PDB file of N, CA and C in Angstrom:
ATOM      1  N   MET A   1      27.063 -36.431  41.140  1.00  0.00           N
ATOM      2  CA  MET A   1      28.194 -37.304  41.451  1.00  0.00           C
ATOM      3  C   MET A   1      29.423 -36.807  40.693  1.00  0.00           C
ATOM      4  N   ALA A   2      30.556 -36.803  41.340  1.00  0.00           N
ATOM      5  CA  ALA A   2      31.792 -36.341  40.722  1.00  0.00           C
ATOM      6  C   ALA A   2      32.205 -37.298  39.602  1.00  0.00           C
ATOM      7  N   ASP A   3      32.917 -36.733  38.622  1.00  0.00           N
ATOM      8  CA  ASP A   3      33.370 -37.543  37.487  1.00  0.00           C
ATOM      9  C   ASP A   3      34.180 -38.753  37.934  1.00  0.00           C
ATOM     10  N   ASP A   4      35.105 -38.534  38.886  1.00  0.00           N
ATOM     11  CA  ASP A   4      35.975 -39.627  39.310  1.00  0.00           C
ATOM     12  C   ASP A   4      35.193 -40.741  39.998  1.00  0.00           C
ATOM     13  N   LYS A   5      34.248 -40.382  40.839  1.00  0.00           N
ATOM     14  CA  LYS A   5      33.449 -41.396  41.542  1.00  0.00           C
ATOM     15  C   LYS A   5      32.544 -42.149  40.564  1.00  0.00           C
ATOM     16  N   ALA A   6      31.925 -41.423  39.645  1.00  0.00           N
ATOM     17  CA  ALA A   6      31.048 -42.048  38.648  1.00  0.00           C
ATOM     18  C   ALA A   6      31.845 -43.005  37.760  1.00  0.00           C
ATOM     19  N   PHE A   7      33.043 -42.577  37.346  1.00  0.00           N
ATOM     20  CA  PHE A   7      33.902 -43.423  36.518  1.00  0.00           C
ATOM     21  C   PHE A   7      34.271 -44.707  37.260  1.00  0.00           C
ATOM     22  N   LEU A   8      34.710 -44.545  38.512  1.00  0.00           N
ATOM     23  CA  LEU A   8      35.118 -45.712  39.292  1.00  0.00           C
ATOM     24  C   LEU A   8      33.954 -46.675  39.482  1.00  0.00           C
ATOM     25  N   GLU A   9      32.798 -46.142  39.806  1.00  0.00           N
ATOM     26  CA  GLU A   9      31.624 -46.996  40.015  1.00  0.00           C
ATOM     27  C   GLU A   9      31.290 -47.777  38.746  1.00  0.00           C
ATOM     28  N   TYR A  10      31.331 -47.111  37.605  1.00  0.00           N
ATOM     29  CA  TYR A  10      31.031 -47.762  36.328  1.00  0.00           C
ATOM     30  C   TYR A  10      32.024 -48.896  36.045  1.00  0.00           C
ATOM     31  N   VAL A  11      33.309 -48.612  36.185  1.00  0.00           N
ATOM     32  CA  VAL A  11      34.346 -49.603  35.865  1.00  0.00           C
ATOM     33  C   VAL A  11      34.277 -50.789  36.816  1.00  0.00           C
ATOM     34  N   VAL A  12      34.203 -50.508  38.116  1.00  0.00           N
ATOM     35  CA  VAL A  12      34.232 -51.584  39.102  1.00  0.00           C
ATOM     36  C   VAL A  12      33.001 -52.473  38.989  1.00  0.00           C
ATOM     37  N   LYS A  13      31.829 -51.870  38.835  1.00  0.00           N
ATOM     38  CA  LYS A  13      30.610 -52.677  38.729  1.00  0.00           C
ATOM     39  C   LYS A  13      30.618 -53.541  37.472  1.00  0.00           C
ATOM     40  N   ALA A  14      31.322 -53.105  36.430  1.00  0.00           N
ATOM     41  CA  ALA A  14      31.437 -53.914  35.219  1.00  0.00           C
ATOM     42  C   ALA A  14      32.398 -55.091  35.415  1.00  0.00           C
ATOM     43  N   LEU A  15      33.320 -54.970  36.371  1.00  0.00           N
ATOM     44  CA  LEU A  15      34.323 -56.013  36.587  1.00  0.00           C
ATOM     45  C   LEU A  15      33.888 -57.107  37.560  1.00  0.00           C
ATOM     46  N   VAL A  16      33.036 -56.771  38.503  1.00  0.00           N
ATOM     47  CA  VAL A  16      32.734 -57.702  39.602  1.00  0.00           C
ATOM     48  C   VAL A  16      31.488 -58.547  39.332  1.00  0.00           C
ATOM     49  N   ASP A  17      31.365 -59.628  40.098  1.00  0.00           N
ATOM     50  CA  ASP A  17      30.183 -60.494  40.013  1.00  0.00           C
ATOM     51  C   ASP A  17      29.056 -60.015  40.927  1.00  0.00           C
ATOM     52  N   ASN A  18      29.391 -59.183  41.909  1.00  0.00           N
ATOM     53  CA  ASN A  18      28.421 -58.700  42.894  1.00  0.00           C
ATOM     54  C   ASN A  18      28.368 -57.173  42.892  1.00  0.00           C
ATOM     55  N   PRO A  19      27.849 -56.567  41.821  1.00  0.00           N
ATOM     56  CA  PRO A  19      27.883 -55.097  41.720  1.00  0.00           C
ATOM     57  C   PRO A  19      27.081 -54.383  42.807  1.00  0.00           C
ATOM     58  N   ASP A  20      26.068 -55.047  43.366  1.00  0.00           N
ATOM     59  CA  ASP A  20      25.280 -54.406  44.422  1.00  0.00           C
ATOM     60  C   ASP A  20      26.069 -54.255  45.718  1.00  0.00           C
ATOM     61  N   ASP A  21      27.173 -54.992  45.854  1.00  0.00           N
ATOM     62  CA  ASP A  21      27.999 -54.925  47.061  1.00  0.00           C
ATOM     63  C   ASP A  21      29.089 -53.860  46.971  1.00  0.00           C
ATOM     64  N   VAL A  22      29.193 -53.181  45.847  1.00  0.00           N
ATOM     65  CA  VAL A  22      30.221 -52.150  45.680  1.00  0.00           C
ATOM     66  C   VAL A  22      29.791 -50.896  46.433  1.00  0.00           C
ATOM     67  N   LYS A  23      30.661 -50.439  47.333  1.00  0.00           N
ATOM     68  CA  LYS A  23      30.406 -49.215  48.103  1.00  0.00           C
ATOM     69  C   LYS A  23      31.565 -48.260  47.859  1.00  0.00           C
ATOM     70  N   ILE A  24      31.241 -47.036  47.464  1.00  0.00           N
ATOM     71  CA  ILE A  24      32.272 -46.045  47.162  1.00  0.00           C
ATOM     72  C   ILE A  24      31.973 -44.765  47.931  1.00  0.00           C
ATOM     73  N   ASP A  25      32.963 -44.297  48.688  1.00  0.00           N
ATOM     74  CA  ASP A  25      32.853 -43.033  49.413  1.00  0.00           C
ATOM     75  C   ASP A  25      33.920 -42.086  48.893  1.00  0.00           C
ATOM     76  N   ARG A  26      33.570 -40.810  48.807  1.00  0.00           N
ATOM     77  CA  ARG A  26      34.501 -39.802  48.288  1.00  0.00           C
ATOM     78  C   ARG A  26      34.604 -38.668  49.297  1.00  0.00           C
ATOM     79  N   THR A  27      35.832 -38.366  49.709  1.00  0.00           N
ATOM     80  CA  THR A  27      36.059 -37.245  50.616  1.00  0.00           C
ATOM     81  C   THR A  27      37.103 -36.321  50.013  1.00  0.00           C
ATOM     82  N   VAL A  28      36.957 -35.041  50.306  1.00  0.00           N
ATOM     83  CA  VAL A  28      37.889 -34.035  49.808  1.00  0.00           C
ATOM     84  C   VAL A  28      38.462 -33.294  51.004  1.00  0.00           C
ATOM     85  N   ASP A  29      39.784 -33.131  51.027  1.00  0.00           N
ATOM     86  CA  ASP A  29      40.431 -32.322  52.052  1.00  0.00           C
ATOM     87  C   ASP A  29      41.589 -31.572  51.421  1.00  0.00           C
ATOM     88  N   GLU A  30      42.436 -30.976  52.254  1.00  0.00           N
ATOM     89  CA  GLU A  30      43.542 -30.176  51.714  1.00  0.00           C
ATOM     90  C   GLU A  30      44.553 -31.018  50.943  1.00  0.00           C
ATOM     91  N   MET A  31      44.546 -32.334  51.162  1.00  0.00           N
ATOM     92  CA  MET A  31      45.467 -33.224  50.449  1.00  0.00           C
ATOM     93  C   MET A  31      44.925 -33.632  49.082  1.00  0.00           C
ATOM     94  N   GLY A  32      43.655 -33.433  48.832  1.00  0.00           N
ATOM     95  CA  GLY A  32      43.057 -33.821  47.560  1.00  0.00           C
ATOM     96  C   GLY A  32      41.820 -34.664  47.779  1.00  0.00           C
ATOM     97  N   VAL A  33      41.563 -35.544  46.835  1.00  0.00           N
ATOM     98  CA  VAL A  33      40.373 -36.390  46.869  1.00  0.00           C
ATOM     99  C   VAL A  33      40.794 -37.800  47.290  1.00  0.00           C
ATOM    100  N   LEU A  34      40.079 -38.350  48.251  1.00  0.00           N
ATOM    101  CA  LEU A  34      40.292 -39.743  48.641  1.00  0.00           C
ATOM    102  C   LEU A  34      39.010 -40.505  48.349  1.00  0.00           C
ATOM    103  N   ILE A  35      39.136 -41.516  47.505  1.00  0.00           N
ATOM    104  CA  ILE A  35      38.003 -42.382  47.197  1.00  0.00           C
ATOM    105  C   ILE A  35      38.269 -43.712  47.884  1.00  0.00           C
ATOM    106  N   THR A  36      37.328 -44.120  48.726  1.00  0.00           N
ATOM    107  CA  THR A  36      37.447 -45.371  49.458  1.00  0.00           C
ATOM    108  C   THR A  36      36.417 -46.341  48.899  1.00  0.00           C
ATOM    109  N   MET A  37      36.876 -47.530  48.547  1.00  0.00           N
ATOM    110  CA  MET A  37      36.006 -48.502  47.904  1.00  0.00           C
ATOM    111  C   MET A  37      36.015 -49.818  48.681  1.00  0.00           C
ATOM    112  N   THR A  38      34.835 -50.407  48.802  1.00  0.00           N
ATOM    113  CA  THR A  38      34.688 -51.731  49.406  1.00  0.00           C
ATOM    114  C   THR A  38      33.904 -52.592  48.419  1.00  0.00           C
ATOM    115  N   VAL A  39      34.381 -53.815  48.208  1.00  0.00           N
ATOM    116  CA  VAL A  39      33.685 -54.757  47.326  1.00  0.00           C
ATOM    117  C   VAL A  39      33.492 -56.070  48.074  1.00  0.00           C
ATOM    118  N   ASN A  40      32.668 -56.934  47.515  1.00  0.00           N
ATOM    119  CA  ASN A  40      32.448 -58.257  48.071  1.00  0.00           C
ATOM    120  C   ASN A  40      33.790 -58.994  48.112  1.00  0.00           C
ATOM    121  N   SER A  41      34.024 -59.765  49.173  1.00  0.00           N
ATOM    122  CA  SER A  41      35.311 -60.458  49.307  1.00  0.00           C
ATOM    123  C   SER A  41      35.584 -61.398  48.133  1.00  0.00           C
ATOM    124  N   ALA A  42      34.526 -61.948  47.519  1.00  0.00           N
ATOM    125  CA  ALA A  42      34.712 -62.840  46.374  1.00  0.00           C
ATOM    126  C   ALA A  42      35.217 -62.091  45.138  1.00  0.00           C
ATOM    127  N   ASP A  43      35.063 -60.760  45.127  1.00  0.00           N
ATOM    128  CA  ASP A  43      35.459 -59.955  43.964  1.00  0.00           C
ATOM    129  C   ASP A  43      36.813 -59.269  44.121  1.00  0.00           C
ATOM    130  N   MET A  44      37.462 -59.422  45.267  1.00  0.00           N
ATOM    131  CA  MET A  44      38.731 -58.716  45.487  1.00  0.00           C
ATOM    132  C   MET A  44      39.778 -59.069  44.431  1.00  0.00           C
ATOM    133  N   GLY A  45      39.853 -60.335  44.062  1.00  0.00           N
ATOM    134  CA  GLY A  45      40.843 -60.743  43.063  1.00  0.00           C
ATOM    135  C   GLY A  45      40.624 -60.072  41.725  1.00  0.00           C
ATOM    136  N   LYS A  46      39.371 -59.854  41.362  1.00  0.00           N
ATOM    137  CA  LYS A  46      39.067 -59.196  40.089  1.00  0.00           C
ATOM    138  C   LYS A  46      39.482 -57.729  40.116  1.00  0.00           C
ATOM    139  N   ILE A  47      39.343 -57.087  41.277  1.00  0.00           N
ATOM    140  CA  ILE A  47      39.692 -55.674  41.404  1.00  0.00           C
ATOM    141  C   ILE A  47      41.197 -55.484  41.500  1.00  0.00           C
ATOM    142  N   ILE A  48      41.871 -56.370  42.226  1.00  0.00           N
ATOM    143  CA  ILE A  48      43.321 -56.244  42.387  1.00  0.00           C
ATOM    144  C   ILE A  48      44.040 -56.685  41.109  1.00  0.00           C
ATOM    145  N   GLY A  49      43.638 -57.804  40.551  1.00  0.00           N
ATOM    146  CA  GLY A  49      44.275 -58.306  39.329  1.00  0.00           C
ATOM    147  C   GLY A  49      45.605 -58.980  39.627  1.00  0.00           C
ATOM    148  N   ARG A  50      46.180 -59.575  38.602  1.00  0.00           N
ATOM    149  CA  ARG A  50      47.472 -60.243  38.771  1.00  0.00           C
ATOM    150  C   ARG A  50      48.548 -59.221  39.079  1.00  0.00           C
ATOM    151  N   GLN A  51      49.283 -59.480  40.139  1.00  0.00           N
ATOM    152  CA  GLN A  51      50.358 -58.604  40.611  1.00  0.00           C
ATOM    153  C   GLN A  51      49.864 -57.173  40.826  1.00  0.00           C
ATOM    154  N   GLY A  52      48.580 -57.014  41.079  1.00  0.00           N
ATOM    155  CA  GLY A  52      48.027 -55.691  41.351  1.00  0.00           C
ATOM    156  C   GLY A  52      47.830 -54.821  40.125  1.00  0.00           C
ATOM    157  N   ASN A  53      47.927 -55.415  38.937  1.00  0.00           N
ATOM    158  CA  ASN A  53      47.880 -54.619  37.714  1.00  0.00           C
ATOM    159  C   ASN A  53      46.539 -53.946  37.465  1.00  0.00           C
ATOM    160  N   THR A  54      45.430 -54.616  37.786  1.00  0.00           N
ATOM    161  CA  THR A  54      44.117 -53.998  37.570  1.00  0.00           C
ATOM    162  C   THR A  54      43.948 -52.795  38.495  1.00  0.00           C
ATOM    163  N   ALA A  55      44.299 -52.960  39.774  1.00  0.00           N
ATOM    164  CA  ALA A  55      44.201 -51.851  40.726  1.00  0.00           C
ATOM    165  C   ALA A  55      45.104 -50.690  40.300  1.00  0.00           C
ATOM    166  N   LYS A  56      46.312 -50.992  39.836  1.00  0.00           N
ATOM    167  CA  LYS A  56      47.230 -49.935  39.377  1.00  0.00           C
ATOM    168  C   LYS A  56      46.633 -49.192  38.191  1.00  0.00           C
ATOM    169  N   ALA A  57      46.032 -49.926  37.262  1.00  0.00           N
ATOM    170  CA  ALA A  57      45.439 -49.295  36.081  1.00  0.00           C
ATOM    171  C   ALA A  57      44.279 -48.390  36.479  1.00  0.00           C
ATOM    172  N   ILE A  58      43.432 -48.858  37.389  1.00  0.00           N
ATOM    173  CA  ILE A  58      42.307 -48.043  37.845  1.00  0.00           C
ATOM    174  C   ILE A  58      42.831 -46.779  38.525  1.00  0.00           C
ATOM    175  N   ARG A  59      43.847 -46.929  39.370  1.00  0.00           N
ATOM    176  CA  ARG A  59      44.425 -45.760  40.059  1.00  0.00           C
ATOM    177  C   ARG A  59      45.012 -44.764  39.061  1.00  0.00           C
ATOM    178  N   THR A  60      45.697 -45.271  38.048  1.00  0.00           N
ATOM    179  CA  THR A  60      46.284 -44.385  37.038  1.00  0.00           C
ATOM    180  C   THR A  60      45.197 -43.605  36.310  1.00  0.00           C
ATOM    181  N   LEU A  61      44.122 -44.278  35.915  1.00  0.00           N
ATOM    182  CA  LEU A  61      43.034 -43.586  35.224  1.00  0.00           C
ATOM    183  C   LEU A  61      42.365 -42.556  36.127  1.00  0.00           C
ATOM    184  N   LEU A  62      42.202 -42.877  37.408  1.00  0.00           N
ATOM    185  CA  LEU A  62      41.624 -41.904  38.339  1.00  0.00           C
ATOM    186  C   LEU A  62      42.523 -40.682  38.479  1.00  0.00           C
ATOM    187  N   ARG A  63      43.836 -40.893  38.480  1.00  0.00           N
ATOM    188  CA  ARG A  63      44.763 -39.757  38.572  1.00  0.00           C
ATOM    189  C   ARG A  63      44.668 -38.879  37.329  1.00  0.00           C
ATOM    190  N   VAL A  64      44.507 -39.498  36.159  1.00  0.00           N
ATOM    191  CA  VAL A  64      44.354 -38.726  34.919  1.00  0.00           C
ATOM    192  C   VAL A  64      43.079 -37.893  34.971  1.00  0.00           C
ATOM    193  N   ILE A  65      41.989 -38.486  35.444  1.00  0.00           N
ATOM    194  CA  ILE A  65      40.735 -37.740  35.592  1.00  0.00           C
ATOM    195  C   ILE A  65      40.929 -36.604  36.586  1.00  0.00           C
ATOM    196  N   GLY A  66      41.628 -36.884  37.668  1.00  0.00           N
ATOM    197  CA  GLY A  66      41.906 -35.849  38.657  1.00  0.00           C
ATOM    198  C   GLY A  66      42.720 -34.705  38.078  1.00  0.00           C
ATOM    199  N   MET A  67      43.726 -35.029  37.275  1.00  0.00           N
ATOM    200  CA  MET A  67      44.555 -33.982  36.658  1.00  0.00           C
ATOM    201  C   MET A  67      43.704 -33.098  35.755  1.00  0.00           C
ATOM    202  N   LYS A  68      42.762 -33.694  35.062  1.00  0.00           N
ATOM    203  CA  LYS A  68      41.862 -32.927  34.199  1.00  0.00           C
ATOM    204  C   LYS A  68      41.076 -31.913  35.024  1.00  0.00           C
ATOM    205  N   ASN A  69      40.748 -32.283  36.262  1.00  0.00           N
ATOM    206  CA  ASN A  69      39.971 -31.419  37.151  1.00  0.00           C
ATOM    207  C   ASN A  69      40.846 -30.704  38.189  1.00  0.00           C
ATOM    208  N   ASN A  70      42.167 -30.707  37.965  1.00  0.00           N
ATOM    209  CA  ASN A  70      43.115 -30.065  38.877  1.00  0.00           C
ATOM    210  C   ASN A  70      42.981 -30.559  40.315  1.00  0.00           C
ATOM    211  N   ALA A  71      42.832 -31.863  40.476  1.00  0.00           N
ATOM    212  CA  ALA A  71      42.711 -32.459  41.804  1.00  0.00           C
ATOM    213  C   ALA A  71      43.599 -33.689  41.890  1.00  0.00           C
ATOM    214  N   ARG A  72      44.134 -33.926  43.058  1.00  0.00           N
ATOM    215  CA  ARG A  72      44.909 -35.144  43.293  1.00  0.00           C
ATOM    216  C   ARG A  72      43.940 -36.204  43.805  1.00  0.00           C
ATOM    217  N   VAL A  73      43.834 -37.312  43.087  1.00  0.00           N
ATOM    218  CA  VAL A  73      42.871 -38.362  43.443  1.00  0.00           C
ATOM    219  C   VAL A  73      43.625 -39.614  43.870  1.00  0.00           C
ATOM    220  N   ASN A  74      43.261 -40.131  45.036  1.00  0.00           N
ATOM    221  CA  ASN A  74      43.834 -41.380  45.540  1.00  0.00           C
ATOM    222  C   ASN A  74      42.711 -42.376  45.786  1.00  0.00           C
ATOM    223  N   LEU A  75      43.015 -43.643  45.567  1.00  0.00           N
ATOM    224  CA  LEU A  75      42.036 -44.709  45.773  1.00  0.00           C
ATOM    225  C   LEU A  75      42.520 -45.640  46.871  1.00  0.00           C
ATOM    226  N   LYS A  76      41.661 -45.875  47.842  1.00  0.00           N
ATOM    227  CA  LYS A  76      41.928 -46.852  48.892  1.00  0.00           C
ATOM    228  C   LYS A  76      40.918 -47.979  48.718  1.00  0.00           C
ATOM    229  N   ILE A  77      41.420 -49.205  48.627  1.00  0.00           N
ATOM    230  CA  ILE A  77      40.549 -50.369  48.502  1.00  0.00           C
ATOM    231  C   ILE A  77      40.519 -51.058  49.854  1.00  0.00           C
ATOM    232  N   ASN A  78      39.357 -51.026  50.498  1.00  0.00           N
ATOM    233  CA  ASN A  78      39.215 -51.653  51.813  1.00  0.00           C
ATOM    234  C   ASN A  78      39.152 -53.152  51.678  1.00  0.00           C
ATOM    235  N   GLU A  79      39.779 -53.833  52.625  1.00  0.00           N
ATOM    236  CA  GLU A  79      39.656 -55.283  52.679  1.00  0.00           C
ATOM    237  C   GLU A  79      38.274 -55.609  53.225  1.00  0.00           C
ATOM    238  N   PRO A  80      37.522 -56.471  52.545  1.00  0.00           N
ATOM    239  CA  PRO A  80      36.167 -56.791  53.002  1.00  0.00           C
ATOM    240  C   PRO A  80      36.191 -57.483  54.359  1.00  0.00           C
ATOM    241  N   GLU A  81      35.081 -57.348  55.084  1.00  0.00           N
ATOM    242  CA  GLU A  81      34.956 -58.044  56.362  1.00  0.00           C
ATOM    243  C   GLU A  81      35.050 -59.535  56.131  1.00  0.00           C
ATOM    244  N   GLY A  82      35.800 -60.203  56.972  1.00  0.00           N
ATOM    245  CA  GLY A  82      35.951 -61.645  56.830  1.00  0.00           C
ATOM    246  C   GLY A  82      36.956 -62.027  55.762  1.00  0.00           C
ATOM    247  N   GLY A  83      37.529 -61.031  55.094  1.00  0.00           N
ATOM    248  CA  GLY A  83      38.530 -61.314  54.071  1.00  0.00           C
ATOM    249  C   GLY A  83      39.825 -61.755  54.703  1.00  0.00           C
ATOM    250  N   THR A  84      40.584 -62.532  53.986  1.00  0.00           N
ATOM    251  CA  THR A  84      41.882 -62.951  54.500  1.00  0.00           C
ATOM    252  C   THR A  84      42.930 -62.067  53.879  1.00  0.00           C
ATOM    253  N   HIS A  85      43.780 -61.545  54.705  1.00  0.00           N
ATOM    254  CA  HIS A  85      44.816 -60.627  54.218  1.00  0.00           C
ATOM    255  C   HIS A  85      45.973 -61.443  53.656  1.00  0.00           C
ATOM    256  N   HIS A  86      46.213 -61.266  52.386  1.00  0.00           N
ATOM    257  CA  HIS A  86      47.361 -61.911  51.739  1.00  0.00           C
ATOM    258  C   HIS A  86      48.411 -60.845  51.552  1.00  0.00           C
ATOM    259  N   SER A  87      49.645 -61.270  51.379  1.00  0.00           N
ATOM    260  CA  SER A  87      50.661 -60.255  51.156  1.00  0.00           C
ATOM    261  C   SER A  87      50.380 -59.605  49.807  1.00  0.00           C
ATOM    262  N   ALA A  88      50.102 -58.336  49.873  1.00  0.00           N
ATOM    263  CA  ALA A  88      49.764 -57.596  48.664  1.00  0.00           C
ATOM    264  C   ALA A  88      51.037 -57.249  47.915  1.00  0.00           C
ATOM    265  N   PRO A  89      50.932 -57.118  46.595  1.00  0.00           N
ATOM    266  CA  PRO A  89      52.108 -56.709  45.848  1.00  0.00           C
ATOM    267  C   PRO A  89      52.485 -55.285  46.231  1.00  0.00           C
ATOM    268  N   ALA A  90      53.758 -54.987  46.103  1.00  0.00           N
ATOM    269  CA  ALA A  90      54.209 -53.635  46.442  1.00  0.00           C
ATOM    270  C   ALA A  90      53.497 -52.627  45.549  1.00  0.00           C
ATOM    271  N   SER A  91      52.984 -51.592  46.162  1.00  0.00           N
ATOM    272  CA  SER A  91      52.295 -50.572  45.369  1.00  0.00           C
ATOM    273  C   SER A  91      53.323 -49.612  44.797  1.00  0.00           C
ATOM    274  N   MET A  92      52.867 -48.819  43.842  1.00  0.00           N
ATOM    275  CA  MET A  92      53.750 -47.861  43.206  1.00  0.00           C
ATOM    276  C   MET A  92      54.160 -46.789  44.192  1.00  0.00           C
ATOM    277  N   ASP A  93      55.406 -46.363  44.124  1.00  0.00           N
ATOM    278  CA  ASP A  93      55.757 -45.195  44.907  1.00  0.00           C
ATOM    279  C   ASP A  93      55.371 -43.959  44.099  1.00  0.00           C
ATOM    280  N   ALA A  94      55.528 -42.798  44.676  1.00  0.00           N
ATOM    281  CA  ALA A  94      55.046 -41.566  44.043  1.00  0.00           C
ATOM    282  C   ALA A  94      55.717 -41.310  42.694  1.00  0.00           C
ATOM    283  N   SER A  95      57.014 -41.599  42.595  1.00  0.00           N
ATOM    284  CA  SER A  95      57.697 -41.327  41.331  1.00  0.00           C
ATOM    285  C   SER A  95      57.220 -42.265  40.228  1.00  0.00           C
ATOM    286  N   GLU A  96      56.941 -43.531  40.573  1.00  0.00           N
ATOM    287  CA  GLU A  96      56.398 -44.465  39.577  1.00  0.00           C
ATOM    288  C   GLU A  96      55.016 -44.015  39.115  1.00  0.00           C
ATOM    289  N   ALA A  97      54.200 -43.584  40.067  1.00  0.00           N
ATOM    290  CA  ALA A  97      52.851 -43.127  39.730  1.00  0.00           C
ATOM    291  C   ALA A  97      52.923 -41.916  38.817  1.00  0.00           C
ATOM    292  N   SER A  98      53.826 -40.997  39.100  1.00  0.00           N
ATOM    293  CA  SER A  98      53.969 -39.806  38.258  1.00  0.00           C
ATOM    294  C   SER A  98      54.400 -40.189  36.852  1.00  0.00           C
ATOM    295  N   ARG A  99      55.345 -41.122  36.750  1.00  0.00           N
ATOM    296  CA  ARG A  99      55.784 -41.564  35.424  1.00  0.00           C
ATOM    297  C   ARG A  99      54.634 -42.219  34.675  1.00  0.00           C
ATOM    298  N   SER A 100      53.821 -43.029  35.366  1.00  0.00           N
ATOM    299  CA  SER A 100      52.690 -43.692  34.726  1.00  0.00           C
ATOM    300  C   SER A 100      51.674 -42.677  34.226  1.00  0.00           C
ATOM    301  N   VAL A 101      51.383 -41.676  35.045  1.00  0.00           N
ATOM    302  CA  VAL A 101      50.439 -40.635  34.643  1.00  0.00           C
ATOM    303  C   VAL A 101      51.005 -39.846  33.475  1.00  0.00           C
ATOM    304  N   ASP A 102      52.300 -39.495  33.554  1.00  0.00           N
ATOM    305  CA  ASP A 102      52.928 -38.758  32.449  1.00  0.00           C
ATOM    306  C   ASP A 102      52.858 -39.561  31.146  1.00  0.00           C
ATOM    307  N   ALA A 103      53.121 -40.857  31.231  1.00  0.00           N
ATOM    308  CA  ALA A 103      53.064 -41.702  30.047  1.00  0.00           C
ATOM    309  C   ALA A 103      51.638 -41.775  29.505  1.00  0.00           C
ATOM    310  N   ALA A 104      50.658 -41.881  30.398  1.00  0.00           N
ATOM    311  CA  ALA A 104      49.268 -41.933  29.969  1.00  0.00           C
ATOM    312  C   ALA A 104      48.866 -40.635  29.283  1.00  0.00           C
ATOM    313  N   LEU A 105      49.307 -39.515  29.816  1.00  0.00           N
ATOM    314  CA  LEU A 105      48.981 -38.228  29.207  1.00  0.00           C
ATOM    315  C   LEU A 105      49.645 -38.080  27.834  1.00  0.00           C
ATOM    316  N   GLU A 106      50.877 -38.552  27.724  1.00  0.00           N
ATOM    317  CA  GLU A 106      51.548 -38.511  26.420  1.00  0.00           C
ATOM    318  C   GLU A 106      50.800 -39.350  25.399  1.00  0.00           C
ATOM    319  N   ASP A 107      50.316 -40.533  25.833  1.00  0.00           N
ATOM    320  CA  ASP A 107      49.535 -41.392  24.936  1.00  0.00           C
ATOM    321  C   ASP A 107      48.260 -40.695  24.507  1.00  0.00           C
ATOM    322  N   LEU A 108      47.627 -39.970  25.431  1.00  0.00           N
ATOM    323  CA  LEU A 108      46.376 -39.271  25.114  1.00  0.00           C
ATOM    324  C   LEU A 108      46.624 -38.133  24.116  1.00  0.00           C
ATOM    325  N   LYS A 109      47.777 -37.486  24.212  1.00  0.00           N
ATOM    326  CA  LYS A 109      48.089 -36.376  23.288  1.00  0.00           C
ATOM    327  C   LYS A 109      48.186 -36.879  21.846  1.00  0.00           C
ATOM    328  N   GLY A 110      48.564 -38.144  21.699  1.00  0.00           N
ATOM    329  CA  GLY A 110      48.698 -38.708  20.355  1.00  0.00           C
ATOM    330  C   GLY A 110      47.378 -39.066  19.710  1.00  0.00           C
ATOM    331  N   ILE A 111      46.316 -39.030  20.490  1.00  0.00           N
ATOM    332  CA  ILE A 111      45.000 -39.432  19.953  1.00  0.00           C
ATOM    333  C   ILE A 111      44.373 -38.312  19.173  1.00  0.00           C
TER     334      ILE A 111
END
């Protein structure tokens, strides 16, 4: 199992109430790595977090792992079947994501 997929599985299963319902698929193409995740509808709030902060943090950590392996890693969180679509918070644009990754790497250099 790839480092990024194993990391995501570990973190997500620790956060949710229904770890057996966590499904993670990993595909690689010329654009990089796409990890697609599905969780139980009751656990979506735990994965997204307030204002999307938990999902943003998970995505940032996956990007850092990807940079370590010279790969671009993106995470797609599927809406569970029967889930109700709420207006999701605006996701980071590419420049925000780059700044977040750069800041995370700077923090790691200080360790």
